Amino acid sequence: MARNVSVQTKIGFTIAAWAIALLLFSPILWVVLTAFKTEAEAIANTPTFLPQNFTLENFGAVQDRSDYFKHAFNSIVVSVGSTLLGLLIGIPAAWAMAFAPTKRTKDVLMWMLSTKMMPAVGVLIPIYLIFRDLRLLDTLQGLTIIMTLINLPIIIWMLYTYFKEIPIDILEAARMDGAELYNEIVHVLIPMALPGIASTLLLNVILAWNEAFWTITLTSGRAGTLTAFISSFSSPQGLFLAKLSAASLLAIAPILLMGWFSQKQLVRGLTFGAVK
């Protein structure tokens, strides 16, 4: 039975939602506006909301100092590659935990989740030494591997949640029809869980794209992503806010556009199985 909500309550919740949304969006708005200001205006003691002297010189300076397209290409390779590799590992693992569980399945899931609670700096030295000995420092292969490892628990947890919502009777019917394990996963399970898999893919691309700690630590220039591209504009001479904002805008623009155009798919996937 639907609950009756007064018009005043609806208006109040709408205003609160817009206020929270604007508060969360305000840092991005500040970056966008500052990117089009001159350096003097960006650091003025009396800040201005809108650019008084609209300029595009910051974007030219950013490209002259560091190759944006190279870093963007590296970000695409690392984020998409690590997510696809994670799905390749995570789909069979989530299938096993959802449809062939053991008494230790929940313990394994909790252990995987607990690895996300450990500070990354806690494993920095062993990871760095391993990558050094394997010659994976400052390589796209090394970054792809580390991104896969740090996001794999989230991938498996999300897929496990989606797979649990699929009736096992459908998979058993496929087995009775002679479907082998490969056909069961590829032709039955994946099409049914496609919204959840898509949202998992999108979310983990975003997480890998925004990862800063490992990309800055394990690269020096050749395999640097856009997060390393942004950090390069912090210098001993100080922060050049206008140029830093321009670099940040160039770095976040692709992922913002992707999130905007795929928001319906994200919501559909994240709510997959939530409504009975």
C-alpha atoms as a PDB file:
ATOM      1  CA  MET A   1       0.000   0.000   0.000  1.00  0.00           C
ATOM      2  CA  ALA A   2       1.426   3.339  -1.044  1.00  0.00           C
ATOM      3  CA  ARG A   3       2.044   5.893   1.686  1.00  0.00           C
ATOM      4  CA  ASN A   4       0.340   9.265   1.343  1.00  0.00           C
ATOM      5  CA  VAL A   5       2.867  12.092   1.318  1.00  0.00           C
ATOM      6  CA  SER A   6       1.832  15.716   1.597  1.00  0.00           C
ATOM      7  CA  VAL A   7       2.835  18.284  -1.005  1.00  0.00           C
ATOM      8  CA  GLN A   8       4.862  20.188   1.604  1.00  0.00           C
ATOM      9  CA  THR A   9       6.867  17.047   2.388  1.00  0.00           C
ATOM     10  CA  LYS A  10       7.578  16.433  -1.295  1.00  0.00           C
ATOM     11  CA  ILE A  11       8.713  20.029  -1.748  1.00  0.00           C
ATOM     12  CA  GLY A  12      10.915  19.798   1.335  1.00  0.00           C
ATOM     13  CA  PHE A  13      12.604  16.596   0.154  1.00  0.00           C
ATOM     14  CA  THR A  14      13.072  18.062  -3.333  1.00  0.00           C
ATOM     15  CA  ILE A  15      14.746  21.183  -1.972  1.00  0.00           C
ATOM     16  CA  ALA A  16      16.966  19.086   0.308  1.00  0.00           C
ATOM     17  CA  ALA A  17      17.949  16.810  -2.584  1.00  0.00           C
ATOM     18  CA  TRP A  18      18.851  19.770  -4.806  1.00  0.00           C
ATOM     19  CA  ALA A  19      20.818  21.391  -1.978  1.00  0.00           C
ATOM     20  CA  ILE A  20      22.848  18.211  -1.407  1.00  0.00           C
ATOM     21  CA  ALA A  21      23.394  17.771  -5.155  1.00  0.00           C
ATOM     22  CA  LEU A  22      24.642  21.348  -5.533  1.00  0.00           C
ATOM     23  CA  LEU A  23      26.910  20.939  -2.518  1.00  0.00           C
ATOM     24  CA  LEU A  24      28.460  17.804  -4.011  1.00  0.00           C
ATOM     25  CA  PHE A  25      28.770  19.391  -7.448  1.00  0.00           C
ATOM     26  CA  SER A  26      30.276  22.671  -6.211  1.00  0.00           C
ATOM     27  CA  PRO A  27      33.952  21.491  -6.270  1.00  0.00           C
ATOM     28  CA  ILE A  28      33.558  20.377  -9.896  1.00  0.00           C
ATOM     29  CA  LEU A  29      31.906  23.683 -10.759  1.00  0.00           C
ATOM     30  CA  TRP A  30      34.771  25.561  -9.107  1.00  0.00           C
ATOM     31  CA  VAL A  31      37.302  23.590 -11.175  1.00  0.00           C
ATOM     32  CA  VAL A  32      35.389  24.277 -14.403  1.00  0.00           C
ATOM     33  CA  LEU A  33      35.169  28.025 -13.774  1.00  0.00           C
ATOM     34  CA  THR A  34      38.769  28.374 -12.577  1.00  0.00           C
ATOM     35  CA  ALA A  35      40.063  26.580 -15.680  1.00  0.00           C
ATOM     36  CA  PHE A  36      38.899  29.551 -17.782  1.00  0.00           C
ATOM     37  CA  LYS A  37      40.388  32.238 -15.508  1.00  0.00           C
ATOM     38  CA  THR A  38      43.794  33.838 -15.768  1.00  0.00           C
ATOM     39  CA  GLU A  39      46.370  32.761 -13.204  1.00  0.00           C
ATOM     40  CA  ALA A  40      46.228  36.172 -11.524  1.00  0.00           C
ATOM     41  CA  GLU A  41      42.445  36.008 -11.205  1.00  0.00           C
ATOM     42  CA  ALA A  42      42.551  32.440  -9.886  1.00  0.00           C
ATOM     43  CA  ILE A  43      44.822  33.384  -6.961  1.00  0.00           C
ATOM     44  CA  ALA A  44      43.348  36.832  -6.271  1.00  0.00           C
ATOM     45  CA  ASN A  45      42.627  37.681  -2.622  1.00  0.00           C
ATOM     46  CA  THR A  46      39.096  38.636  -3.610  1.00  0.00           C
ATOM     47  CA  PRO A  47      37.811  35.614  -5.532  1.00  0.00           C
ATOM     48  CA  THR A  48      35.366  35.970  -8.399  1.00  0.00           C
ATOM     49  CA  PHE A  49      32.695  33.432  -9.208  1.00  0.00           C
ATOM     50  CA  LEU A  50      32.620  33.830 -12.990  1.00  0.00           C
ATOM     51  CA  PRO A  51      35.785  34.449 -15.041  1.00  0.00           C
ATOM     52  CA  GLN A  52      36.272  38.176 -15.579  1.00  0.00           C
ATOM     53  CA  ASN A  53      38.791  37.612 -18.385  1.00  0.00           C
ATOM     54  CA  PHE A  54      37.678  34.414 -20.137  1.00  0.00           C
ATOM     55  CA  THR A  55      40.731  32.606 -21.542  1.00  0.00           C
ATOM     56  CA  LEU A  56      41.705  29.254 -23.066  1.00  0.00           C
ATOM     57  CA  GLU A  57      45.442  29.759 -22.601  1.00  0.00           C
ATOM     58  CA  ASN A  58      45.544  27.378 -19.629  1.00  0.00           C
ATOM     59  CA  PHE A  59      44.564  24.424 -21.820  1.00  0.00           C
ATOM     60  CA  GLY A  60      47.283  25.284 -24.329  1.00  0.00           C
ATOM     61  CA  ALA A  61      49.844  25.588 -21.546  1.00  0.00           C
ATOM     62  CA  VAL A  62      48.771  22.244 -20.129  1.00  0.00           C
ATOM     63  CA  GLN A  63      49.184  20.485 -23.479  1.00  0.00           C
ATOM     64  CA  ASP A  64      52.555  22.171 -24.092  1.00  0.00           C
ATOM     65  CA  ARG A  65      53.885  21.058 -20.737  1.00  0.00           C
ATOM     66  CA  SER A  66      52.631  17.473 -20.791  1.00  0.00           C
ATOM     67  CA  ASP A  67      51.073  15.324 -23.518  1.00  0.00           C
ATOM     68  CA  TYR A  68      47.416  15.052 -22.518  1.00  0.00           C
ATOM     69  CA  PHE A  69      46.465  12.533 -25.195  1.00  0.00           C
ATOM     70  CA  LYS A  70      49.239  10.140 -24.183  1.00  0.00           C
ATOM     71  CA  HIS A  71      48.063  10.156 -20.569  1.00  0.00           C
ATOM     72  CA  ALA A  72      44.417   9.822 -21.648  1.00  0.00           C
ATOM     73  CA  PHE A  73      45.316   6.802 -23.790  1.00  0.00           C
ATOM     74  CA  ASN A  74      47.129   5.229 -20.828  1.00  0.00           C
ATOM     75  CA  SER A  75      44.085   5.823 -18.601  1.00  0.00           C
ATOM     76  CA  ILE A  76      41.778   4.179 -21.128  1.00  0.00           C
ATOM     77  CA  VAL A  77      44.050   1.154 -21.520  1.00  0.00           C
ATOM     78  CA  VAL A  78      44.513   0.667 -17.772  1.00  0.00           C
ATOM     79  CA  SER A  79      40.908   1.272 -16.686  1.00  0.00           C
ATOM     80  CA  VAL A  80      39.219  -0.732 -19.459  1.00  0.00           C
ATOM     81  CA  GLY A  81      41.874  -3.447 -19.524  1.00  0.00           C
ATOM     82  CA  SER A  82      41.843  -4.008 -15.757  1.00  0.00           C
ATOM     83  CA  THR A  83      38.043  -4.080 -15.679  1.00  0.00           C
ATOM     84  CA  LEU A  84      37.783  -6.632 -18.504  1.00  0.00           C
ATOM     85  CA  LEU A  85      40.471  -8.778 -16.882  1.00  0.00           C
ATOM     86  CA  GLY A  86      38.630  -8.487 -13.563  1.00  0.00           C
ATOM     87  CA  LEU A  87      35.362  -9.584 -15.181  1.00  0.00           C
ATOM     88  CA  LEU A  88      37.133 -12.525 -16.820  1.00  0.00           C
ATOM     89  CA  ILE A  89      38.226 -13.689 -13.369  1.00  0.00           C
ATOM     90  CA  GLY A  90      35.223 -12.450 -11.397  1.00  0.00           C
ATOM     91  CA  ILE A  91      32.359 -13.999 -13.397  1.00  0.00           C
ATOM     92  CA  PRO A  92      33.482 -17.634 -12.869  1.00  0.00           C
ATOM     93  CA  ALA A  93      34.404 -16.886  -9.244  1.00  0.00           C
ATOM     94  CA  ALA A  94      31.018 -15.280  -8.534  1.00  0.00           C
ATOM     95  CA  TRP A  95      29.234 -18.162 -10.302  1.00  0.00           C
ATOM     96  CA  ALA A  96      31.022 -20.677  -8.073  1.00  0.00           C
ATOM     97  CA  MET A  97      30.153 -18.771  -4.896  1.00  0.00           C
ATOM     98  CA  ALA A  98      26.530 -18.155  -5.892  1.00  0.00           C
ATOM     99  CA  PHE A  99      25.575 -21.551  -7.339  1.00  0.00           C
ATOM    100  CA  ALA A 100      28.130 -23.983  -5.874  1.00  0.00           C
ATOM    101  CA  PRO A 101      28.817 -22.563  -2.400  1.00  0.00           C
ATOM    102  CA  THR A 102      30.760 -24.328   0.322  1.00  0.00           C
ATOM    103  CA  LYS A 103      30.716 -23.761   4.060  1.00  0.00           C
ATOM    104  CA  ARG A 104      33.669 -21.380   3.628  1.00  0.00           C
ATOM    105  CA  THR A 105      32.147 -19.250   0.867  1.00  0.00           C
ATOM    106  CA  LYS A 106      30.956 -16.461   3.159  1.00  0.00           C
ATOM    107  CA  ASP A 107      34.310 -16.446   4.942  1.00  0.00           C
ATOM    108  CA  VAL A 108      36.108 -16.053   1.602  1.00  0.00           C
ATOM    109  CA  LEU A 109      33.787 -13.211   0.603  1.00  0.00           C
ATOM    110  CA  MET A 110      34.394 -11.415   3.887  1.00  0.00           C
ATOM    111  CA  TRP A 111      38.145 -11.934   3.554  1.00  0.00           C
ATOM    112  CA  MET A 112      38.114 -10.424   0.061  1.00  0.00           C
ATOM    113  CA  LEU A 113      36.105  -7.457   1.305  1.00  0.00           C
ATOM    114  CA  SER A 114      38.475  -6.993   4.246  1.00  0.00           C
ATOM    115  CA  THR A 115      41.385  -6.477   1.839  1.00  0.00           C
ATOM    116  CA  LYS A 116      39.723  -3.225   0.732  1.00  0.00           C
ATOM    117  CA  MET A 117      39.888  -1.966   4.324  1.00  0.00           C
ATOM    118  CA  MET A 118      43.684  -2.172   4.477  1.00  0.00           C
ATOM    119  CA  PRO A 119      45.530   1.063   3.650  1.00  0.00           C
ATOM    120  CA  ALA A 120      47.304   0.812   0.318  1.00  0.00           C
ATOM    121  CA  VAL A 121      50.503   2.183   1.822  1.00  0.00           C
ATOM    122  CA  GLY A 122      50.620  -0.946   4.027  1.00  0.00           C
ATOM    123  CA  VAL A 123      51.576  -3.100   1.035  1.00  0.00           C
ATOM    124  CA  LEU A 124      53.462  -0.443  -0.915  1.00  0.00           C
ATOM    125  CA  ILE A 125      56.981  -1.738  -0.228  1.00  0.00           C
ATOM    126  CA  PRO A 126      56.386  -5.418  -1.146  1.00  0.00           C
ATOM    127  CA  ILE A 127      54.362  -4.470  -4.237  1.00  0.00           C
ATOM    128  CA  TYR A 128      57.040  -2.016  -5.336  1.00  0.00           C
ATOM    129  CA  LEU A 129      59.830  -4.564  -4.862  1.00  0.00           C
ATOM    130  CA  ILE A 130      57.898  -7.274  -6.726  1.00  0.00           C
ATOM    131  CA  PHE A 131      57.179  -4.913  -9.613  1.00  0.00           C
ATOM    132  CA  ARG A 132      60.828  -3.813  -9.667  1.00  0.00           C
ATOM    133  CA  ASP A 133      62.105  -7.387  -9.844  1.00  0.00           C
ATOM    134  CA  LEU A 134      59.562  -8.304 -12.543  1.00  0.00           C
ATOM    135  CA  ARG A 135      60.343  -5.104 -14.474  1.00  0.00           C
ATOM    136  CA  LEU A 136      56.739  -3.954 -14.285  1.00  0.00           C
ATOM    137  CA  LEU A 137      57.466  -0.467 -12.952  1.00  0.00           C
ATOM    138  CA  ASP A 138      56.230   2.312 -15.243  1.00  0.00           C
ATOM    139  CA  THR A 139      54.473  -0.135 -17.590  1.00  0.00           C
ATOM    140  CA  LEU A 140      50.845  -0.363 -18.668  1.00  0.00           C
ATOM    141  CA  GLN A 141      50.921  -4.096 -17.966  1.00  0.00           C
ATOM    142  CA  GLY A 142      51.947  -3.504 -14.363  1.00  0.00           C
ATOM    143  CA  LEU A 143      49.282  -0.852 -13.793  1.00  0.00           C
ATOM    144  CA  THR A 144      46.624  -3.073 -15.359  1.00  0.00           C
ATOM    145  CA  ILE A 145      47.568  -5.943 -13.039  1.00  0.00           C
ATOM    146  CA  ILE A 146      47.536  -3.827  -9.873  1.00  0.00           C
ATOM    147  CA  MET A 147      44.203  -2.199 -10.821  1.00  0.00           C
ATOM    148  CA  THR A 148      42.714  -5.632 -11.413  1.00  0.00           C
ATOM    149  CA  LEU A 149      43.895  -6.854  -8.029  1.00  0.00           C
ATOM    150  CA  ILE A 150      42.639  -3.873  -6.026  1.00  0.00           C
ATOM    151  CA  ASN A 151      39.190  -3.837  -7.706  1.00  0.00           C
ATOM    152  CA  LEU A 152      38.667  -7.602  -7.968  1.00  0.00           C
ATOM    153  CA  PRO A 153      36.964  -7.899  -4.539  1.00  0.00           C
ATOM    154  CA  ILE A 154      34.384  -5.285  -5.565  1.00  0.00           C
ATOM    155  CA  ILE A 155      33.811  -7.009  -8.908  1.00  0.00           C
ATOM    156  CA  ILE A 156      33.259 -10.409  -7.291  1.00  0.00           C
ATOM    157  CA  TRP A 157      31.013  -9.003  -4.552  1.00  0.00           C
ATOM    158  CA  MET A 158      28.812  -7.125  -7.016  1.00  0.00           C
ATOM    159  CA  LEU A 159      28.544 -10.056  -9.414  1.00  0.00           C
ATOM    160  CA  TYR A 160      27.854 -12.447  -6.547  1.00  0.00           C
ATOM    161  CA  THR A 161      24.955 -10.224  -5.420  1.00  0.00           C
ATOM    162  CA  TYR A 162      23.492 -10.115  -8.936  1.00  0.00           C
ATOM    163  CA  PHE A 163      23.912 -13.838  -9.552  1.00  0.00           C
ATOM    164  CA  LYS A 164      22.152 -14.700  -6.282  1.00  0.00           C
ATOM    165  CA  GLU A 165      19.005 -13.028  -7.644  1.00  0.00           C
ATOM    166  CA  ILE A 166      18.866 -15.409 -10.630  1.00  0.00           C
ATOM    167  CA  PRO A 167      16.713 -18.529  -9.978  1.00  0.00           C
ATOM    168  CA  ILE A 168      18.908 -21.603  -9.914  1.00  0.00           C
ATOM    169  CA  ASP A 169      16.074 -23.549 -11.563  1.00  0.00           C
ATOM    170  CA  ILE A 170      16.881 -21.840 -14.864  1.00  0.00           C
ATOM    171  CA  LEU A 171      20.483 -23.028 -14.727  1.00  0.00           C
ATOM    172  CA  GLU A 172      19.387 -26.533 -13.744  1.00  0.00           C
ATOM    173  CA  ALA A 173      17.026 -26.589 -16.711  1.00  0.00           C
ATOM    174  CA  ALA A 174      19.917 -25.656 -18.979  1.00  0.00           C
ATOM    175  CA  ARG A 175      21.980 -28.503 -17.512  1.00  0.00           C
ATOM    176  CA  MET A 176      19.145 -30.949 -18.110  1.00  0.00           C
ATOM    177  CA  ASP A 177      19.102 -29.808 -21.735  1.00  0.00           C
ATOM    178  CA  GLY A 178      22.754 -30.793 -21.993  1.00  0.00           C
ATOM    179  CA  ALA A 179      24.425 -27.419 -21.548  1.00  0.00           C
ATOM    180  CA  GLU A 180      28.035 -27.650 -20.445  1.00  0.00           C
ATOM    181  CA  LEU A 181      29.509 -25.267 -17.857  1.00  0.00           C
ATOM    182  CA  TYR A 182      30.834 -22.867 -20.506  1.00  0.00           C
ATOM    183  CA  ASN A 183      27.481 -22.683 -22.304  1.00  0.00           C
ATOM    184  CA  GLU A 184      25.655 -22.344 -18.988  1.00  0.00           C
ATOM    185  CA  ILE A 185      27.693 -19.285 -18.020  1.00  0.00           C
ATOM    186  CA  VAL A 186      28.027 -17.646 -21.451  1.00  0.00           C
ATOM    187  CA  HIS A 187      24.607 -18.340 -22.980  1.00  0.00           C
ATOM    188  CA  VAL A 188      22.337 -18.480 -19.905  1.00  0.00           C
ATOM    189  CA  LEU A 189      23.855 -16.707 -16.901  1.00  0.00           C
ATOM    190  CA  ILE A 190      25.538 -13.703 -18.540  1.00  0.00           C
ATOM    191  CA  PRO A 191      22.515 -12.617 -20.668  1.00  0.00           C
ATOM    192  CA  MET A 192      20.270 -12.735 -17.585  1.00  0.00           C
ATOM    193  CA  ALA A 193      22.738 -10.776 -15.435  1.00  0.00           C
ATOM    194  CA  LEU A 194      23.752  -8.344 -18.176  1.00  0.00           C
ATOM    195  CA  PRO A 195      22.434  -5.195 -16.381  1.00  0.00           C
ATOM    196  CA  GLY A 196      24.420  -6.106 -13.275  1.00  0.00           C
ATOM    197  CA  ILE A 197      27.536  -6.937 -15.270  1.00  0.00           C
ATOM    198  CA  ALA A 198      27.273  -3.654 -17.172  1.00  0.00           C
ATOM    199  CA  SER A 199      26.986  -1.619 -13.974  1.00  0.00           C
ATOM    200  CA  THR A 200      29.923  -3.534 -12.491  1.00  0.00           C
ATOM    201  CA  LEU A 201      31.975  -2.741 -15.589  1.00  0.00           C
ATOM    202  CA  LEU A 202      31.082   0.956 -15.531  1.00  0.00           C
ATOM    203  CA  LEU A 203      31.708   1.363 -11.803  1.00  0.00           C
ATOM    204  CA  ASN A 204      35.094  -0.327 -11.923  1.00  0.00           C
ATOM    205  CA  VAL A 205      36.181   1.660 -14.974  1.00  0.00           C
ATOM    206  CA  ILE A 206      35.438   4.787 -12.928  1.00  0.00           C
ATOM    207  CA  LEU A 207      37.349   3.447  -9.901  1.00  0.00           C
ATOM    208  CA  ALA A 208      40.375   2.533 -12.018  1.00  0.00           C
ATOM    209  CA  TRP A 209      40.246   5.860 -13.867  1.00  0.00           C
ATOM    210  CA  ASN A 210      40.283   7.824 -10.601  1.00  0.00           C
ATOM    211  CA  GLU A 211      42.943   5.755  -8.830  1.00  0.00           C
ATOM    212  CA  ALA A 212      45.830   8.035  -7.892  1.00  0.00           C
ATOM    213  CA  PHE A 213      47.989   6.326  -5.267  1.00  0.00           C
ATOM    214  CA  TRP A 214      49.236   3.412  -7.349  1.00  0.00           C
ATOM    215  CA  THR A 215      49.429   5.270 -10.653  1.00  0.00           C
ATOM    216  CA  ILE A 216      51.639   7.961  -9.144  1.00  0.00           C
ATOM    217  CA  THR A 217      53.757   5.524  -7.115  1.00  0.00           C
ATOM    218  CA  LEU A 218      54.385   2.899  -9.806  1.00  0.00           C
ATOM    219  CA  THR A 219      54.944   5.212 -12.783  1.00  0.00           C
ATOM    220  CA  SER A 220      57.434   7.928 -13.620  1.00  0.00           C
ATOM    221  CA  GLY A 221      56.345   9.152 -17.036  1.00  0.00           C
ATOM    222  CA  ARG A 222      56.076   6.510 -19.734  1.00  0.00           C
ATOM    223  CA  ALA A 223      52.942   4.790 -18.377  1.00  0.00           C
ATOM    224  CA  GLY A 224      51.522   7.736 -16.443  1.00  0.00           C
ATOM    225  CA  THR A 225      47.748   8.103 -16.426  1.00  0.00           C
ATOM    226  CA  LEU A 226      45.665  11.245 -16.084  1.00  0.00           C
ATOM    227  CA  THR A 227      45.971  11.216 -12.284  1.00  0.00           C
ATOM    228  CA  ALA A 228      49.745  11.424 -12.685  1.00  0.00           C
ATOM    229  CA  PHE A 229      49.134  14.082 -15.342  1.00  0.00           C
ATOM    230  CA  ILE A 230      47.285  16.219 -12.755  1.00  0.00           C
ATOM    231  CA  SER A 231      49.886  15.711 -10.032  1.00  0.00           C
ATOM    232  CA  SER A 232      52.631  16.940 -12.364  1.00  0.00           C
ATOM    233  CA  PHE A 233      51.209  20.469 -12.050  1.00  0.00           C
ATOM    234  CA  SER A 234      52.125  20.623  -8.378  1.00  0.00           C
ATOM    235  CA  SER A 235      55.617  22.088  -8.266  1.00  0.00           C
ATOM    236  CA  PRO A 236      58.009  23.501  -5.636  1.00  0.00           C
ATOM    237  CA  GLN A 237      57.270  26.951  -7.057  1.00  0.00           C
ATOM    238  CA  GLY A 238      53.664  26.604  -5.890  1.00  0.00           C
ATOM    239  CA  LEU A 239      50.268  25.633  -7.191  1.00  0.00           C
ATOM    240  CA  PHE A 240      49.232  27.251 -10.449  1.00  0.00           C
ATOM    241  CA  LEU A 241      45.514  26.995  -9.782  1.00  0.00           C
ATOM    242  CA  ALA A 242      44.269  27.958 -13.234  1.00  0.00           C
ATOM    243  CA  LYS A 243      46.517  25.468 -15.022  1.00  0.00           C
ATOM    244  CA  LEU A 244      45.873  22.826 -12.364  1.00  0.00           C
ATOM    245  CA  SER A 245      42.124  23.318 -12.832  1.00  0.00           C
ATOM    246  CA  ALA A 246      42.487  23.050 -16.607  1.00  0.00           C
ATOM    247  CA  ALA A 247      44.428  19.806 -16.224  1.00  0.00           C
ATOM    248  CA  SER A 248      41.833  18.475 -13.768  1.00  0.00           C
ATOM    249  CA  LEU A 249      38.979  19.393 -16.112  1.00  0.00           C
ATOM    250  CA  LEU A 250      40.655  17.602 -19.010  1.00  0.00           C
ATOM    251  CA  ALA A 251      41.179  14.543 -16.789  1.00  0.00           C
ATOM    252  CA  ILE A 252      37.649  14.276 -15.384  1.00  0.00           C
ATOM    253  CA  ALA A 253      35.721  15.305 -18.512  1.00  0.00           C
ATOM    254  CA  PRO A 254      35.763  11.853 -20.214  1.00  0.00           C
ATOM    255  CA  ILE A 255      34.612   9.983 -17.111  1.00  0.00           C
ATOM    256  CA  LEU A 256      31.947  12.608 -16.345  1.00  0.00           C
ATOM    257  CA  LEU A 257      30.546  12.268 -19.855  1.00  0.00           C
ATOM    258  CA  MET A 258      30.578   8.486 -19.602  1.00  0.00           C
ATOM    259  CA  GLY A 259      28.780   8.600 -16.262  1.00  0.00           C
ATOM    260  CA  TRP A 260      26.219  11.071 -17.588  1.00  0.00           C
ATOM    261  CA  PHE A 261      25.302   9.020 -20.651  1.00  0.00           C
ATOM    262  CA  SER A 262      25.320   5.694 -18.779  1.00  0.00           C
ATOM    263  CA  GLN A 263      23.513   6.801 -15.618  1.00  0.00           C
ATOM    264  CA  LYS A 264      20.335   4.887 -16.502  1.00  0.00           C
ATOM    265  CA  GLN A 265      22.330   1.717 -17.038  1.00  0.00           C
ATOM    266  CA  LEU A 266      24.169   2.281 -13.754  1.00  0.00           C
ATOM    267  CA  VAL A 267      20.951   2.775 -11.794  1.00  0.00           C
ATOM    268  CA  ARG A 268      19.326  -0.209 -13.482  1.00  0.00           C
ATOM    269  CA  GLY A 269      22.284  -2.412 -12.680  1.00  0.00           C
ATOM    270  CA  LEU A 270      22.788  -1.205  -9.112  1.00  0.00           C
ATOM    271  CA  THR A 271      19.107  -1.833  -8.338  1.00  0.00           C
ATOM    272  CA  PHE A 272      19.094  -5.188 -10.139  1.00  0.00           C
ATOM    273  CA  GLY A 273      17.117  -7.598  -7.995  1.00  0.00           C
ATOM    274  CA  ALA A 274      16.346  -5.007  -5.334  1.00  0.00           C
ATOM    275  CA  VAL A 275      12.633  -4.863  -6.141  1.00  0.00           C
ATOM    276  CA  LYS A 276      10.731  -8.080  -5.943  1.00  0.00           C
END
